[in-house]
Amino acid sequence: MTGGWIKWYRQYKDCEALGHGTDWSLVGAWVAIVEMAQHSPTVFLGERVDRGEFGFTYRMLQSQWRKSPSKLKAVFDHFADYGMIEIRQAGKCSVLRVVNFDQYQSATDDERYQFGNGRQ
């Protein structure tokens, strides 16, 4: 998925889980996770994936993110320890759920804005 947008608040610099904005490997991983989360339900490798979730295999992410499975697991464990994500096994894949996705990524009328629509 390449279209759409995600909300990003400057308050990420206050987030201990993101190293107060100074640990760019964690910041980049978090942006990638939120960006990969589905905005509507879909199916991945035969498994239902709801809004705020994405299906993956470690092999797929290893290729995309160029990280070893142990590094991926360490990042996922880090975010899970902070209550930011949950991962469940689902058949041939895993499904990652961003906790509170709707709280941070829901669109209100004032927030439905894309560049080029006259509002900047």
N, C-alpha and C. Protein backbone atom coordinates (compact mmCIF):
# COMPACT_ATOMS: atom_id res chain seq x y z
N MET A 1 0.84 -1.17 0.00
CA MET A 1 0.00 0.00 0.00
C MET A 1 0.89 1.23 0.00
N THR A 2 0.69 2.11 -0.95
CA THR A 2 1.52 3.31 -1.03
C THR A 2 0.71 4.59 -0.88
N GLY A 3 -0.60 4.52 -0.92
CA GLY A 3 -1.42 5.72 -0.81
C GLY A 3 -1.80 5.99 0.63
N GLY A 4 -2.45 7.12 0.83
CA GLY A 4 -2.95 7.47 2.16
C GLY A 4 -1.96 8.27 2.97
N TRP A 5 -2.25 8.39 4.24
CA TRP A 5 -1.42 9.18 5.13
C TRP A 5 -1.53 8.62 6.54
N ILE A 6 -0.60 8.98 7.39
CA ILE A 6 -0.66 8.66 8.81
C ILE A 6 -0.44 9.95 9.58
N LYS A 7 -0.99 10.00 10.79
CA LYS A 7 -0.75 11.15 11.66
C LYS A 7 0.59 10.94 12.36
N TRP A 8 1.30 12.00 12.54
CA TRP A 8 2.56 11.93 13.28
C TRP A 8 2.66 13.18 14.14
N TYR A 9 2.77 13.00 15.43
CA TYR A 9 2.81 14.12 16.36
C TYR A 9 4.24 14.37 16.83
N ARG A 10 4.57 15.61 17.04
CA ARG A 10 5.90 15.94 17.53
C ARG A 10 6.14 15.42 18.94
N GLN A 11 5.07 15.02 19.60
CA GLN A 11 5.21 14.51 20.96
C GLN A 11 5.97 13.18 21.02
N TYR A 12 6.30 12.60 19.86
CA TYR A 12 7.08 11.38 19.88
C TYR A 12 8.40 11.61 20.62
N LYS A 13 8.84 12.85 20.68
CA LYS A 13 10.07 13.17 21.39
C LYS A 13 9.92 13.01 22.90
N ASP A 14 8.67 12.93 23.37
CA ASP A 14 8.41 12.70 24.79
C ASP A 14 8.24 11.23 25.11
N CYS A 15 8.28 10.38 24.10
CA CYS A 15 7.98 8.96 24.27
C CYS A 15 9.23 8.19 24.68
N GLU A 16 9.19 7.62 25.87
CA GLU A 16 10.32 6.84 26.36
C GLU A 16 10.60 5.64 25.47
N ALA A 17 9.54 5.01 24.94
CA ALA A 17 9.71 3.83 24.09
C ALA A 17 10.44 4.15 22.80
N LEU A 18 10.42 5.40 22.38
CA LEU A 18 11.12 5.83 21.16
C LEU A 18 12.42 6.56 21.49
N GLY A 19 12.92 6.34 22.69
CA GLY A 19 14.19 6.97 23.08
C GLY A 19 14.10 8.47 23.10
N HIS A 20 12.90 9.00 23.41
CA HIS A 20 12.65 10.44 23.41
C HIS A 20 13.04 11.09 22.10
N GLY A 21 12.83 10.33 21.02
CA GLY A 21 13.07 10.85 19.68
C GLY A 21 14.51 10.80 19.22
N THR A 22 15.40 10.27 20.06
CA THR A 22 16.82 10.26 19.68
C THR A 22 17.29 8.92 19.13
N ASP A 23 16.52 7.87 19.36
CA ASP A 23 16.89 6.54 18.86
C ASP A 23 16.21 6.33 17.51
N TRP A 24 16.92 6.70 16.45
CA TRP A 24 16.29 6.70 15.13
C TRP A 24 15.96 5.30 14.64
N SER A 25 16.63 4.28 15.15
CA SER A 25 16.25 2.93 14.74
C SER A 25 14.87 2.59 15.29
N LEU A 26 14.58 3.02 16.51
CA LEU A 26 13.24 2.78 17.08
C LEU A 26 12.20 3.68 16.44
N VAL A 27 12.54 4.94 16.20
CA VAL A 27 11.60 5.86 15.55
C VAL A 27 11.25 5.34 14.16
N GLY A 28 12.26 4.94 13.40
CA GLY A 28 12.02 4.43 12.06
C GLY A 28 11.19 3.16 12.07
N ALA A 29 11.47 2.27 13.02
CA ALA A 29 10.69 1.04 13.13
C ALA A 29 9.24 1.35 13.47
N TRP A 30 9.02 2.31 14.37
CA TRP A 30 7.65 2.65 14.76
C TRP A 30 6.89 3.26 13.58
N VAL A 31 7.52 4.15 12.85
CA VAL A 31 6.86 4.73 11.66
C VAL A 31 6.51 3.63 10.68
N ALA A 32 7.43 2.69 10.46
CA ALA A 32 7.17 1.59 9.52
C ALA A 32 6.00 0.74 10.00
N ILE A 33 5.94 0.46 11.29
CA ILE A 33 4.85 -0.34 11.84
C ILE A 33 3.51 0.35 11.64
N VAL A 34 3.43 1.62 12.00
CA VAL A 34 2.17 2.36 11.85
C VAL A 34 1.80 2.48 10.38
N GLU A 35 2.78 2.70 9.53
CA GLU A 35 2.53 2.82 8.11
C GLU A 35 2.02 1.51 7.50
N MET A 36 2.51 0.39 7.99
CA MET A 36 2.10 -0.91 7.46
C MET A 36 0.72 -1.36 7.97
N ALA A 37 0.27 -0.78 9.08
CA ALA A 37 -1.03 -1.17 9.63
C ALA A 37 -2.14 -0.82 8.63
N GLN A 38 -3.07 -1.73 8.48
CA GLN A 38 -4.15 -1.57 7.51
C GLN A 38 -5.15 -0.52 7.98
N HIS A 39 -5.66 0.24 7.04
CA HIS A 39 -6.70 1.22 7.39
C HIS A 39 -8.09 0.61 7.27
N SER A 40 -8.19 -0.57 6.68
CA SER A 40 -9.46 -1.30 6.59
C SER A 40 -9.14 -2.79 6.59
N PRO A 41 -10.11 -3.63 6.97
CA PRO A 41 -9.86 -5.07 7.04
C PRO A 41 -9.42 -5.64 5.69
N THR A 42 -8.59 -6.66 5.75
CA THR A 42 -8.09 -7.32 4.55
C THR A 42 -7.76 -8.76 4.90
N VAL A 43 -7.18 -9.47 3.96
CA VAL A 43 -6.74 -10.84 4.18
C VAL A 43 -5.28 -10.95 3.78
N PHE A 44 -4.48 -11.62 4.60
CA PHE A 44 -3.06 -11.83 4.31
C PHE A 44 -2.76 -13.32 4.52
N LEU A 45 -2.29 -13.98 3.49
CA LEU A 45 -1.99 -15.41 3.54
C LEU A 45 -3.15 -16.21 4.14
N GLY A 46 -4.36 -15.83 3.75
CA GLY A 46 -5.55 -16.54 4.20
C GLY A 46 -6.06 -16.15 5.57
N GLU A 47 -5.42 -15.21 6.23
CA GLU A 47 -5.82 -14.79 7.57
C GLU A 47 -6.44 -13.40 7.54
N ARG A 48 -7.52 -13.23 8.30
CA ARG A 48 -8.15 -11.92 8.40
C ARG A 48 -7.23 -10.97 9.16
N VAL A 49 -7.08 -9.78 8.60
CA VAL A 49 -6.27 -8.73 9.23
C VAL A 49 -7.17 -7.51 9.35
N ASP A 50 -7.40 -7.06 10.57
CA ASP A 50 -8.31 -5.94 10.83
C ASP A 50 -7.59 -4.60 10.74
N ARG A 51 -8.39 -3.54 10.80
CA ARG A 51 -7.85 -2.18 10.85
C ARG A 51 -6.88 -2.09 12.01
N GLY A 52 -5.74 -1.45 11.76
CA GLY A 52 -4.74 -1.29 12.81
C GLY A 52 -3.81 -2.50 12.96
N GLU A 53 -3.93 -3.46 12.05
CA GLU A 53 -3.10 -4.66 12.09
C GLU A 53 -2.40 -4.82 10.75
N PHE A 54 -1.36 -5.63 10.72
CA PHE A 54 -0.80 -6.09 9.45
C PHE A 54 -0.26 -7.49 9.62
N GLY A 55 -0.42 -8.26 8.56
CA GLY A 55 0.11 -9.61 8.54
C GLY A 55 1.52 -9.59 8.00
N PHE A 56 2.34 -10.51 8.50
CA PHE A 56 3.73 -10.56 8.05
C PHE A 56 4.31 -11.94 8.31
N THR A 57 5.39 -12.19 7.64
CA THR A 57 6.28 -13.30 8.00
C THR A 57 7.62 -12.67 8.33
N TYR A 58 8.36 -13.32 9.18
CA TYR A 58 9.68 -12.77 9.53
C TYR A 58 10.58 -12.71 8.31
N ARG A 59 10.43 -13.67 7.42
CA ARG A 59 11.24 -13.66 6.19
C ARG A 59 10.92 -12.42 5.35
N MET A 60 9.64 -12.08 5.25
CA MET A 60 9.21 -10.90 4.49
C MET A 60 9.80 -9.62 5.09
N LEU A 61 9.67 -9.48 6.41
CA LEU A 61 10.19 -8.27 7.06
C LEU A 61 11.71 -8.23 7.05
N GLN A 62 12.33 -9.39 7.17
CA GLN A 62 13.79 -9.44 7.10
C GLN A 62 14.26 -8.87 5.77
N SER A 63 13.56 -9.20 4.71
CA SER A 63 13.92 -8.70 3.38
C SER A 63 13.63 -7.21 3.25
N GLN A 64 12.44 -6.79 3.70
CA GLN A 64 12.04 -5.38 3.56
C GLN A 64 12.86 -4.45 4.45
N TRP A 65 13.06 -4.84 5.68
CA TRP A 65 13.72 -3.96 6.64
C TRP A 65 15.22 -4.20 6.73
N ARG A 66 15.69 -5.25 6.09
CA ARG A 66 17.12 -5.60 6.12
C ARG A 66 17.63 -5.75 7.55
N LYS A 67 16.85 -6.48 8.33
CA LYS A 67 17.21 -6.78 9.72
C LYS A 67 17.10 -8.28 9.93
N SER A 68 17.91 -8.80 10.81
CA SER A 68 17.86 -10.23 11.12
C SER A 68 16.59 -10.53 11.92
N PRO A 69 16.12 -11.77 11.89
CA PRO A 69 14.95 -12.13 12.70
C PRO A 69 15.14 -11.80 14.18
N SER A 70 16.36 -11.96 14.69
CA SER A 70 16.59 -11.66 16.11
C SER A 70 16.45 -10.16 16.39
N LYS A 71 16.90 -9.32 15.46
CA LYS A 71 16.73 -7.86 15.63
C LYS A 71 15.26 -7.46 15.52
N LEU A 72 14.54 -8.08 14.57
CA LEU A 72 13.11 -7.81 14.45
C LEU A 72 12.39 -8.19 15.74
N LYS A 73 12.70 -9.37 16.24
CA LYS A 73 12.06 -9.82 17.47
C LYS A 73 12.39 -8.89 18.63
N ALA A 74 13.62 -8.42 18.70
CA ALA A 74 14.01 -7.50 19.78
C ALA A 74 13.21 -6.20 19.71
N VAL A 75 13.03 -5.67 18.50
CA VAL A 75 12.24 -4.44 18.33
C VAL A 75 10.78 -4.69 18.71
N PHE A 76 10.22 -5.80 18.23
CA PHE A 76 8.83 -6.12 18.56
C PHE A 76 8.67 -6.34 20.06
N ASP A 77 9.61 -7.03 20.69
CA ASP A 77 9.54 -7.24 22.14
C ASP A 77 9.60 -5.90 22.88
N HIS A 78 10.44 -5.00 22.40
CA HIS A 78 10.56 -3.67 23.01
C HIS A 78 9.21 -2.95 22.99
N PHE A 79 8.59 -2.89 21.81
CA PHE A 79 7.31 -2.19 21.70
C PHE A 79 6.21 -2.92 22.46
N ALA A 80 6.26 -4.24 22.48
CA ALA A 80 5.26 -5.02 23.24
C ALA A 80 5.42 -4.75 24.74
N ASP A 81 6.66 -4.64 25.21
CA ASP A 81 6.90 -4.35 26.63
C ASP A 81 6.30 -3.01 27.03
N TYR A 82 6.24 -2.07 26.11
CA TYR A 82 5.64 -0.76 26.38
C TYR A 82 4.14 -0.75 26.09
N GLY A 83 3.58 -1.88 25.70
CA GLY A 83 2.15 -1.97 25.44
C GLY A 83 1.71 -1.31 24.14
N MET A 84 2.64 -1.14 23.21
CA MET A 84 2.33 -0.45 21.96
C MET A 84 1.85 -1.39 20.87
N ILE A 85 2.26 -2.67 20.94
CA ILE A 85 1.85 -3.65 19.93
C ILE A 85 1.53 -4.98 20.61
N GLU A 86 0.79 -5.80 19.87
CA GLU A 86 0.57 -7.19 20.25
C GLU A 86 0.76 -8.01 18.97
N ILE A 87 1.33 -9.20 19.11
CA ILE A 87 1.54 -10.08 17.96
C ILE A 87 0.90 -11.43 18.26
N ARG A 88 0.18 -11.95 17.27
CA ARG A 88 -0.40 -13.28 17.42
C ARG A 88 -0.02 -14.13 16.22
N GLN A 89 0.14 -15.41 16.45
CA GLN A 89 0.38 -16.35 15.37
C GLN A 89 -0.95 -16.66 14.70
N ALA A 90 -0.95 -16.72 13.37
CA ALA A 90 -2.18 -16.95 12.62
C ALA A 90 -1.86 -17.78 11.39
N GLY A 91 -1.91 -19.09 11.52
CA GLY A 91 -1.67 -19.94 10.36
C GLY A 91 -0.26 -19.80 9.84
N LYS A 92 -0.12 -19.37 8.58
CA LYS A 92 1.18 -19.26 7.91
C LYS A 92 1.88 -17.93 8.18
N CYS A 93 1.28 -17.07 8.98
CA CYS A 93 1.87 -15.75 9.21
C CYS A 93 1.68 -15.34 10.66
N SER A 94 2.19 -14.19 10.98
CA SER A 94 1.93 -13.53 12.25
C SER A 94 1.13 -12.28 11.94
N VAL A 95 0.36 -11.83 12.92
CA VAL A 95 -0.40 -10.59 12.76
C VAL A 95 -0.02 -9.66 13.90
N LEU A 96 0.44 -8.48 13.52
CA LEU A 96 0.82 -7.46 14.49
C LEU A 96 -0.32 -6.47 14.61
N ARG A 97 -0.72 -6.19 15.84
CA ARG A 97 -1.78 -5.20 16.10
C ARG A 97 -1.17 -4.00 16.81
N VAL A 98 -1.42 -2.82 16.27
CA VAL A 98 -1.00 -1.58 16.92
C VAL A 98 -2.07 -1.24 17.95
N VAL A 99 -1.70 -1.29 19.22
CA VAL A 99 -2.63 -0.99 20.31
C VAL A 99 -3.03 0.48 20.20
N ASN A 100 -4.27 0.78 20.37
CA ASN A 100 -4.80 2.15 20.31
C ASN A 100 -4.66 2.78 18.93
N PHE A 101 -4.62 1.98 17.89
CA PHE A 101 -4.47 2.51 16.53
C PHE A 101 -5.54 3.55 16.23
N ASP A 102 -6.80 3.23 16.53
CA ASP A 102 -7.88 4.17 16.21
C ASP A 102 -7.78 5.46 17.00
N GLN A 103 -7.28 5.38 18.23
CA GLN A 103 -7.13 6.58 19.04
C GLN A 103 -6.19 7.58 18.37
N TYR A 104 -5.15 7.06 17.73
CA TYR A 104 -4.15 7.94 17.14
C TYR A 104 -4.29 8.14 15.64
N GLN A 105 -4.96 7.22 14.96
CA GLN A 105 -5.03 7.29 13.51
C GLN A 105 -6.43 7.51 12.96
N SER A 106 -7.43 7.70 13.83
CA SER A 106 -8.77 7.97 13.31
C SER A 106 -8.80 9.36 12.69
N ALA A 107 -9.66 9.52 11.72
CA ALA A 107 -9.75 10.81 11.01
C ALA A 107 -11.05 11.51 11.38
N THR A 108 -10.92 12.71 11.89
CA THR A 108 -12.09 13.54 12.10
C THR A 108 -12.19 14.48 10.89
N ASP A 109 -13.29 15.20 10.80
CA ASP A 109 -13.47 16.09 9.66
C ASP A 109 -12.32 17.09 9.52
N ASP A 110 -11.83 17.60 10.64
CA ASP A 110 -10.74 18.58 10.58
C ASP A 110 -9.42 17.95 10.15
N GLU A 111 -9.30 16.64 10.33
CA GLU A 111 -8.04 15.98 10.05
C GLU A 111 -8.01 15.30 8.69
N ARG A 112 -9.09 15.32 7.94
CA ARG A 112 -9.12 14.69 6.63
C ARG A 112 -8.53 15.65 5.61
N TYR A 113 -7.23 15.76 5.65
CA TYR A 113 -6.58 16.74 4.82
C TYR A 113 -5.41 16.09 4.12
N GLN A 114 -5.31 16.41 2.87
CA GLN A 114 -4.17 15.93 2.09
C GLN A 114 -3.55 17.13 1.42
N PHE A 115 -2.27 17.05 1.17
CA PHE A 115 -1.59 18.14 0.52
C PHE A 115 -2.23 18.41 -0.84
N GLY A 116 -2.37 19.67 -1.18
CA GLY A 116 -2.90 20.04 -2.49
C GLY A 116 -4.38 20.29 -2.51
N ASN A 117 -5.07 20.18 -1.37
CA ASN A 117 -6.49 20.42 -1.38
C ASN A 117 -6.85 21.85 -1.00
N GLY A 118 -5.87 22.69 -0.92
CA GLY A 118 -6.12 24.10 -0.61
C GLY A 118 -5.94 24.44 0.84
N ARG A 119 -5.89 23.46 1.72
CA ARG A 119 -5.67 23.71 3.16
C ARG A 119 -4.25 23.33 3.50
N GLN A 120 -3.50 24.21 4.09
CA GLN A 120 -2.11 23.90 4.42
C GLN A 120 -1.76 24.31 5.81
